[in-house]
C-alpha atoms as a PDB file:
ATOM      1  CA  MET A   1     -42.895 -29.560 -14.199  1.00  0.00           C
ATOM      2  CA  LEU A   2     -41.798 -26.039 -15.388  1.00  0.00           C
ATOM      3  CA  HIS A   3     -43.965 -24.086 -13.271  1.00  0.00           C
ATOM      4  CA  GLY A   4     -42.604 -26.242 -10.202  1.00  0.00           C
ATOM      5  CA  SER A   5     -39.040 -25.561 -11.130  1.00  0.00           C
ATOM      6  CA  LEU A   6     -39.675 -21.870 -11.483  1.00  0.00           C
ATOM      7  CA  TYR A   7     -41.088 -22.112  -8.124  1.00  0.00           C
ATOM      8  CA  VAL A   8     -38.300 -23.385  -6.355  1.00  0.00           C
ATOM      9  CA  ASP A   9     -35.848 -21.153  -8.004  1.00  0.00           C
ATOM     10  CA  SER A  10     -37.936 -18.441  -6.929  1.00  0.00           C
ATOM     11  CA  ILE A  11     -37.887 -19.483  -3.112  1.00  0.00           C
ATOM     12  CA  ARG A  12     -34.201 -20.595  -3.658  1.00  0.00           C
ATOM     13  CA  PRO A  13     -31.833 -18.491  -1.124  1.00  0.00           C
ATOM     14  CA  PRO A  14     -29.479 -15.607  -2.955  1.00  0.00           C
ATOM     15  CA  ARG A  15     -26.087 -17.368  -4.206  1.00  0.00           C
ATOM     16  CA  PRO A  16     -23.203 -15.739  -1.319  1.00  0.00           C
ATOM     17  CA  ARG A  17     -21.167 -14.055  -3.851  1.00  0.00           C
ATOM     18  CA  SER A  18     -24.522 -11.907  -4.869  1.00  0.00           C
ATOM     19  CA  LEU A  19     -24.584 -10.529  -1.539  1.00  0.00           C
ATOM     20  CA  ARG A  20     -20.555  -9.553  -1.606  1.00  0.00           C
ATOM     21  CA  PRO A  21     -21.096  -5.665  -1.238  1.00  0.00           C
ATOM     22  CA  TRP A  22     -19.160  -3.776  -4.091  1.00  0.00           C
ATOM     23  CA  TYR A  23     -17.205  -1.561  -1.145  1.00  0.00           C
ATOM     24  CA  LEU A  24     -15.626  -4.906   0.198  1.00  0.00           C
ATOM     25  CA  VAL A  25     -14.390  -5.627  -3.236  1.00  0.00           C
ATOM     26  CA  ALA A  26     -12.942  -2.166  -3.938  1.00  0.00           C
ATOM     27  CA  THR A  27     -11.416  -1.724  -0.427  1.00  0.00           C
ATOM     28  CA  MET A  28      -9.846  -5.498  -0.679  1.00  0.00           C
ATOM     29  CA  LEU A  29      -8.408  -4.995  -4.174  1.00  0.00           C
ATOM     30  CA  LEU A  30      -6.786  -1.775  -3.151  1.00  0.00           C
ATOM     31  CA  THR A  31      -5.309  -3.466   0.135  1.00  0.00           C
ATOM     32  CA  TRP A  32      -4.117  -6.483  -2.152  1.00  0.00           C
ATOM     33  CA  ILE A  33      -2.556  -3.615  -4.068  1.00  0.00           C
ATOM     34  CA  ILE A  34      -0.900  -1.939  -1.033  1.00  0.00           C
ATOM     35  CA  GLY A  35       0.125  -5.363   0.472  1.00  0.00           C
ATOM     36  CA  VAL A  36       2.068  -6.494  -2.897  1.00  0.00           C
ATOM     37  CA  ARG A  37       3.404  -3.278  -3.016  1.00  0.00           C
ATOM     38  CA  GLY A  38       4.631  -2.983   0.625  1.00  0.00           C
ATOM     39  CA  PHE A  39       5.967  -6.691   0.124  1.00  0.00           C
ATOM     40  CA  MET A  40       8.275  -5.418  -2.568  1.00  0.00           C
ATOM     41  CA  ALA A  41       9.292  -2.654  -1.401  1.00  0.00           C
ATOM     42  CA  GLY A  42      10.429  -4.048   1.737  1.00  0.00           C
ATOM     43  CA  CYS A  43      12.373  -6.571   0.183  1.00  0.00           C
ATOM     44  CA  GLY A  44      14.156  -4.010  -2.164  1.00  0.00           C
ATOM     45  CA  THR A  45      14.915  -2.032   0.447  1.00  0.00           C
ATOM     46  CA  ALA A  46      16.562  -5.096   2.523  1.00  0.00           C
ATOM     47  CA  MET A  47      18.123  -6.171  -0.621  1.00  0.00           C
ATOM     48  CA  TYR A  48      19.615  -2.710  -1.075  1.00  0.00           C
ATOM     49  CA  LEU A  49      20.670  -2.336   2.363  1.00  0.00           C
ATOM     50  CA  ARG A  50      22.431  -5.755   2.672  1.00  0.00           C
ATOM     51  CA  SER A  51      24.530  -4.422  -0.350  1.00  0.00           C
ATOM     52  CA  GLY A  52      25.824  -1.658   1.374  1.00  0.00           C
ATOM     53  CA  MET A  53      26.107   0.461  -1.926  1.00  0.00           C
ATOM     54  CA  ALA A  54      24.784   4.134  -1.348  1.00  0.00           C
ATOM     55  CA  PRO A  55      24.654   5.918  -4.845  1.00  0.00           C
ATOM     56  CA  ASP A  56      26.183   9.543  -5.211  1.00  0.00           C
ATOM     57  CA  VAL A  57      23.147  11.592  -5.760  1.00  0.00           C
ATOM     58  CA  THR A  58      25.112  14.451  -7.351  1.00  0.00           C
ATOM     59  CA  ALA A  59      26.533  12.069  -9.800  1.00  0.00           C
ATOM     60  CA  VAL A  60      23.346  10.881 -10.654  1.00  0.00           C
ATOM     61  CA  ALA A  61      21.459  14.214 -11.032  1.00  0.00           C
ATOM     62  CA  GLU A  62      24.655  15.372 -13.493  1.00  0.00           C
ATOM     63  CA  GLN A  63      24.097  12.225 -15.440  1.00  0.00           C
ATOM     64  CA  ALA A  64      20.318  12.289 -15.878  1.00  0.00           C
ATOM     65  CA  ARG A  65      20.616  16.115 -16.551  1.00  0.00           C
ATOM     66  CA  ASP A  66      22.785  15.691 -19.660  1.00  0.00           C
ATOM     67  CA  GLN A  67      20.189  13.435 -20.832  1.00  0.00           C
ATOM     68  CA  GLY A  68      17.831  16.611 -21.350  1.00  0.00           C
ATOM     69  CA  ASP A  69      14.695  14.560 -20.084  1.00  0.00           C
ATOM     70  CA  PRO A  70      13.286  16.405 -16.826  1.00  0.00           C
ATOM     71  CA  PHE A  71      11.189  13.644 -16.251  1.00  0.00           C
ATOM     72  CA  GLN A  72      13.437  11.186 -16.246  1.00  0.00           C
ATOM     73  CA  PHE A  73      15.966  13.599 -14.094  1.00  0.00           C
ATOM     74  CA  THR A  74      13.388  13.694 -11.549  1.00  0.00           C
ATOM     75  CA  PHE A  75      12.953   9.845 -11.350  1.00  0.00           C
ATOM     76  CA  ALA A  76      16.485   9.289 -11.303  1.00  0.00           C
ATOM     77  CA  VAL A  77      17.071  11.898  -8.651  1.00  0.00           C
ATOM     78  CA  LEU A  78      14.275  10.806  -6.161  1.00  0.00           C
ATOM     79  CA  GLU A  79      15.255   7.216  -6.624  1.00  0.00           C
ATOM     80  CA  ALA A  80      18.618   8.097  -5.751  1.00  0.00           C
ATOM     81  CA  ALA A  81      17.910  10.344  -2.898  1.00  0.00           C
ATOM     82  CA  GLN A  82      15.668   7.937  -1.183  1.00  0.00           C
ATOM     83  CA  ALA A  83      18.369   5.007  -1.194  1.00  0.00           C
ATOM     84  CA  HIS A  84      21.262   7.170  -0.412  1.00  0.00           C
ATOM     85  CA  ALA A  85      18.906   8.400   2.441  1.00  0.00           C
ATOM     86  CA  MET A  86      18.313   4.859   4.038  1.00  0.00           C
ATOM     87  CA  SER A  87      21.579   3.681   3.696  1.00  0.00           C
ATOM     88  CA  ALA A  88      22.431   6.633   6.168  1.00  0.00           C
ATOM     89  CA  HIS A  89      20.017   5.378   8.564  1.00  0.00           C
ATOM     90  CA  GLN A  90      19.715   1.709   7.948  1.00  0.00           C
ATOM     91  CA  ASP A  91      19.295   1.031  11.511  1.00  0.00           C
ATOM     92  CA  VAL A  92      15.735   2.332  11.097  1.00  0.00           C
ATOM     93  CA  ALA A  93      15.220   1.437   7.800  1.00  0.00           C
ATOM     94  CA  PHE A  94      16.378  -2.113   7.868  1.00  0.00           C
ATOM     95  CA  PRO A  95      14.135  -3.245  10.522  1.00  0.00           C
ATOM     96  CA  LEU A  96      11.166  -1.411   8.979  1.00  0.00           C
ATOM     97  CA  SER A  97      11.877  -3.319   5.922  1.00  0.00           C
ATOM     98  CA  ILE A  98      11.647  -6.521   7.450  1.00  0.00           C
ATOM     99  CA  ALA A  99       8.714  -5.599   9.005  1.00  0.00           C
ATOM    100  CA  LYS A 100       7.044  -4.378   5.828  1.00  0.00           C
ATOM    101  CA  VAL A 101       7.885  -7.760   3.864  1.00  0.00           C
ATOM    102  CA  LEU A 102       6.012  -9.583   6.885  1.00  0.00           C
ATOM    103  CA  LEU A 103       2.990  -7.166   7.030  1.00  0.00           C
ATOM    104  CA  GLY A 104       2.597  -6.687   3.133  1.00  0.00           C
ATOM    105  CA  GLY A 105       2.688 -10.751   2.832  1.00  0.00           C
ATOM    106  CA  LEU A 106      -0.023 -11.187   5.552  1.00  0.00           C
ATOM    107  CA  LEU A 107      -2.276  -7.776   3.988  1.00  0.00           C
ATOM    108  CA  VAL A 108      -2.145 -10.047   0.414  1.00  0.00           C
ATOM    109  CA  VAL A 109      -3.207 -13.223   2.050  1.00  0.00           C
ATOM    110  CA  ALA A 110      -6.003 -11.508   4.420  1.00  0.00           C
ATOM    111  CA  SER A 111      -7.219  -9.458   1.567  1.00  0.00           C
ATOM    112  CA  GLY A 112      -7.806 -12.723  -0.988  1.00  0.00           C
ATOM    113  CA  LEU A 113      -9.651 -14.417   1.929  1.00  0.00           C
ATOM    114  CA  ALA A 114     -11.892 -11.416   2.345  1.00  0.00           C
ATOM    115  CA  LEU A 115     -12.280 -11.218  -1.276  1.00  0.00           C
ATOM    116  CA  GLY A 116     -13.526 -15.112  -0.991  1.00  0.00           C
ATOM    117  CA  GLY A 117     -15.410 -14.772   1.804  1.00  0.00           C
ATOM    118  CA  ARG A 118     -13.656 -17.368   3.478  1.00  0.00           C
ATOM    119  CA  PRO A 119     -15.584 -18.357   6.920  1.00  0.00           C
ATOM    120  CA  GLY A 120     -14.206 -17.455  10.046  1.00  0.00           C
ATOM    121  CA  THR A 121     -11.361 -14.796   8.398  1.00  0.00           C
ATOM    122  CA  ARG A 122     -13.426 -11.631   8.895  1.00  0.00           C
ATOM    123  CA  GLY A 123     -11.808 -11.147  12.270  1.00  0.00           C
ATOM    124  CA  PHE A 124      -8.403 -11.800  11.343  1.00  0.00           C
ATOM    125  CA  VAL A 125      -8.589  -9.644   8.329  1.00  0.00           C
ATOM    126  CA  LEU A 126      -9.502  -7.034  10.619  1.00  0.00           C
ATOM    127  CA  GLN A 127      -6.373  -7.857  12.834  1.00  0.00           C
ATOM    128  CA  VAL A 128      -4.016  -7.596   9.693  1.00  0.00           C
ATOM    129  CA  LEU A 129      -5.528  -4.464   8.755  1.00  0.00           C
ATOM    130  CA  ALA A 130      -5.166  -2.907  12.401  1.00  0.00           C
ATOM    131  CA  ALA A 131      -1.651  -4.115  12.161  1.00  0.00           C
ATOM    132  CA  ASN A 132      -0.617  -2.551   9.224  1.00  0.00           C
ATOM    133  CA  LEU A 133      -2.287   0.899  10.091  1.00  0.00           C
ATOM    134  CA  ALA A 134      -0.346   0.921  13.442  1.00  0.00           C
ATOM    135  CA  PHE A 135       2.794   0.033  11.351  1.00  0.00           C
ATOM    136  CA  ALA A 136       2.075   2.731   9.082  1.00  0.00           C
ATOM    137  CA  ALA A 137       1.711   5.494  11.522  1.00  0.00           C
ATOM    138  CA  VAL A 138       5.098   4.057  13.409  1.00  0.00           C
ATOM    139  CA  GLU A 139       6.793   3.703  10.129  1.00  0.00           C
ATOM    140  CA  TYR A 140       5.827   7.571   9.448  1.00  0.00           C
ATOM    141  CA  ALA A 141       7.143   8.716  12.667  1.00  0.00           C
ATOM    142  CA  LEU A 142      10.317   6.909  12.803  1.00  0.00           C
ATOM    143  CA  THR A 143      11.466   7.874   9.130  1.00  0.00           C
ATOM    144  CA  ARG A 144      10.962  11.590   9.786  1.00  0.00           C
ATOM    145  CA  ASP A 145      14.624  12.169   9.514  1.00  0.00           C
ATOM    146  CA  VAL A 146      15.170   9.903   6.278  1.00  0.00           C
ATOM    147  CA  ARG A 147      12.458  11.914   4.371  1.00  0.00           C
ATOM    148  CA  GLY A 148      14.004  15.349   5.796  1.00  0.00           C
ATOM    149  CA  ALA A 149      17.358  13.923   4.144  1.00  0.00           C
ATOM    150  CA  TRP A 150      16.365  12.674   0.811  1.00  0.00           C
ATOM    151  CA  ILE A 151      14.092  15.937   0.706  1.00  0.00           C
ATOM    152  CA  ASP A 152      17.447  17.862   0.835  1.00  0.00           C
ATOM    153  CA  MET A 153      19.024  16.027  -1.309  1.00  0.00           C
ATOM    154  CA  VAL A 154      16.116  16.054  -4.413  1.00  0.00           C
ATOM    155  CA  ALA A 155      16.155  20.255  -3.753  1.00  0.00           C
ATOM    156  CA  GLN A 156      20.087  20.248  -4.194  1.00  0.00           C
ATOM    157  CA  ALA A 157      20.168  18.121  -7.000  1.00  0.00           C
ATOM    158  CA  GLY A 158      17.136  20.282  -8.667  1.00  0.00           C
ATOM    159  CA  ALA A 159      19.293  23.446  -8.557  1.00  0.00           C
ATOM    160  CA  LEU A 160      21.482  21.583 -10.836  1.00  0.00           C
ATOM    161  CA  LEU A 161      18.588  22.244 -13.768  1.00  0.00           C
ATOM    162  CA  PRO A 162      18.592  25.093 -15.871  1.00  0.00           C
ATOM    163  CA  PRO A 163      16.686  28.139 -14.349  1.00  0.00           C
ATOM    164  CA  GLY A 164      13.850  27.769 -17.365  1.00  0.00           C
ATOM    165  CA  VAL A 165      12.872  24.366 -17.301  1.00  0.00           C
ATOM    166  CA  PRO A 166       9.463  24.154 -15.225  1.00  0.00           C
ATOM    167  CA  GLU A 167      10.400  21.145 -12.936  1.00  0.00           C
ATOM    168  CA  ARG A 168      13.082  22.898 -11.592  1.00  0.00           C
ATOM    169  CA  GLU A 169      10.687  25.160  -9.058  1.00  0.00           C
ATOM    170  CA  GLY A 170       9.062  21.710  -7.844  1.00  0.00           C
ATOM    171  CA  LEU A 171      12.303  19.784  -7.412  1.00  0.00           C
ATOM    172  CA  THR A 172      13.621  22.961  -5.230  1.00  0.00           C
ATOM    173  CA  ASN A 173      10.871  23.535  -2.762  1.00  0.00           C
ATOM    174  CA  PRO A 174      11.163  21.132   0.143  1.00  0.00           C
ATOM    175  CA  GLY A 175       7.654  22.469   1.160  1.00  0.00           C
ATOM    176  CA  LEU A 176       6.390  20.790  -1.441  1.00  0.00           C
ATOM    177  CA  TRP A 177       8.127  17.318  -0.861  1.00  0.00           C
ATOM    178  CA  TRP A 178       6.827  17.586   2.720  1.00  0.00           C
ATOM    179  CA  THR A 179       3.253  18.265   1.732  1.00  0.00           C
ATOM    180  CA  ALA A 180       3.482  15.711  -1.005  1.00  0.00           C
ATOM    181  CA  GLU A 181       4.478  12.735   1.930  1.00  0.00           C
ATOM    182  CA  ARG A 182       1.797  13.610   4.187  1.00  0.00           C
ATOM    183  CA  VAL A 183      -0.594  13.684   1.653  1.00  0.00           C
ATOM    184  CA  ARG A 184       0.576  10.244   0.697  1.00  0.00           C
ATOM    185  CA  PHE A 185       0.239   8.814   3.578  1.00  0.00           C
ATOM    186  CA  VAL A 186      -2.657  10.130   4.666  1.00  0.00           C
ATOM    187  CA  LEU A 187      -4.924   8.944   1.212  1.00  0.00           C
ATOM    188  CA  PHE A 188      -3.180   5.874   0.280  1.00  0.00           C
ATOM    189  CA  GLU A 189      -2.233   4.172   3.464  1.00  0.00           C
ATOM    190  CA  LEU A 190      -4.235   5.599   6.620  1.00  0.00           C
ATOM    191  CA  CYS A 191      -7.489   6.266   4.661  1.00  0.00           C
ATOM    192  CA  ILE A 192      -7.624   2.989   2.400  1.00  0.00           C
ATOM    193  CA  LEU A 193      -6.704   0.437   5.080  1.00  0.00           C
ATOM    194  CA  GLY A 194      -9.027   2.669   7.557  1.00  0.00           C
ATOM    195  CA  PHE A 195     -11.872   2.512   4.778  1.00  0.00           C
ATOM    196  CA  ALA A 196     -11.211  -1.442   4.664  1.00  0.00           C
ATOM    197  CA  ALA A 197     -11.465  -2.105   7.957  1.00  0.00           C
ATOM    198  CA  LEU A 198     -14.798   0.043   8.351  1.00  0.00           C
ATOM    199  CA  ALA A 199     -15.882  -2.190   5.063  1.00  0.00           C
ATOM    200  CA  LEU A 200     -15.542  -5.104   6.906  1.00  0.00           C
ATOM    201  CA  THR A 201     -17.574  -3.897   9.964  1.00  0.00           C
ATOM    202  CA  ARG A 202     -20.659  -3.349   7.951  1.00  0.00           C
ATOM    203  CA  GLU A 203     -23.589  -5.139   8.410  1.00  0.00           C
ATOM    204  CA  ARG A 204     -24.216  -6.291   4.711  1.00  0.00           C
ATOM    205  CA  THR A 205     -20.752  -7.708   4.781  1.00  0.00           C
ATOM    206  CA  LYS A 206     -21.672  -9.634   7.811  1.00  0.00           C
ATOM    207  CA  LEU A 207     -24.610 -11.000   5.959  1.00  0.00           C
ATOM    208  CA  TYR A 208     -21.970 -11.958   3.337  1.00  0.00           C
ATOM    209  CA  PHE A 209     -19.846 -14.170   5.667  1.00  0.00           C
ATOM    210  CA  GLN A 210     -22.539 -15.506   6.992  1.00  0.00           C
ATOM    211  CA  ALA A 211     -24.034 -16.299   3.647  1.00  0.00           C
ATOM    212  CA  VAL A 212     -21.072 -18.337   2.689  1.00  0.00           C
ATOM    213  CA  ALA A 213     -20.418 -19.997   6.214  1.00  0.00           C
ATOM    214  CA  ARG A 214     -23.900 -21.372   5.658  1.00  0.00           C
ATOM    215  CA  ALA A 215     -23.126 -22.530   1.989  1.00  0.00           C
ATOM    216  CA  THR A 216     -20.046 -24.315   2.766  1.00  0.00           C
ATOM    217  CA  ASP A 217     -21.327 -26.117   5.772  1.00  0.00           C
ATOM    218  CA  PRO A 218     -24.575 -27.903   5.004  1.00  0.00           C
ATOM    219  CA  GLY A 219     -24.796 -29.394   8.552  1.00  0.00           C
ATOM    220  CA  ASP A 220     -26.243 -25.787   9.609  1.00  0.00           C
ATOM    221  CA  GLU A 221     -29.195 -26.303   6.969  1.00  0.00           C
ATOM    222  CA  PRO A 222     -32.625 -27.741   8.365  1.00  0.00           C
END
């Protein structure tokens, strides 16, 4: 009986989860994080713009400077400058924030479905990834003036720091901020979403979804 049991176990097909590619798990976890971040950021931006309260960047910078912490100064100035810039361009920022809420929520759901290998969802997940990629490109193009506004405000606020502070040079360099934004856009939006879409098109991923579908549909068994 023992030998028979071992023989049956040896010919039993592998469990579907054992076929799940590591790169699918990695990319879907990253897209899940992007979705949560986009959903929360969209909600926060929409609520802020609805309140109609734009912070005074100079006042925020002066208050943060008096605390004597350059890191806290940078964070406070950056947050205030971005909020003020979005308030000044809310005709663009508000509809984009609503779209970010919707697409971010869809990305969270789609990432969870892909991680679970739900049958018939691979095409849906690919569509959600394509929509988020398109939106990321459109948002980046439409918010150029917003970026320019907050980068200028950060540079002006950075000049309030004493000349001897190391952070002053970086804050007052608009070119550095523009480069950082381009890197953030390419690496943390386009590349991650693109790699996630690529992971879903790999043959091993297709086999994984097929295995899950067979396991959840006993009628397909001979």
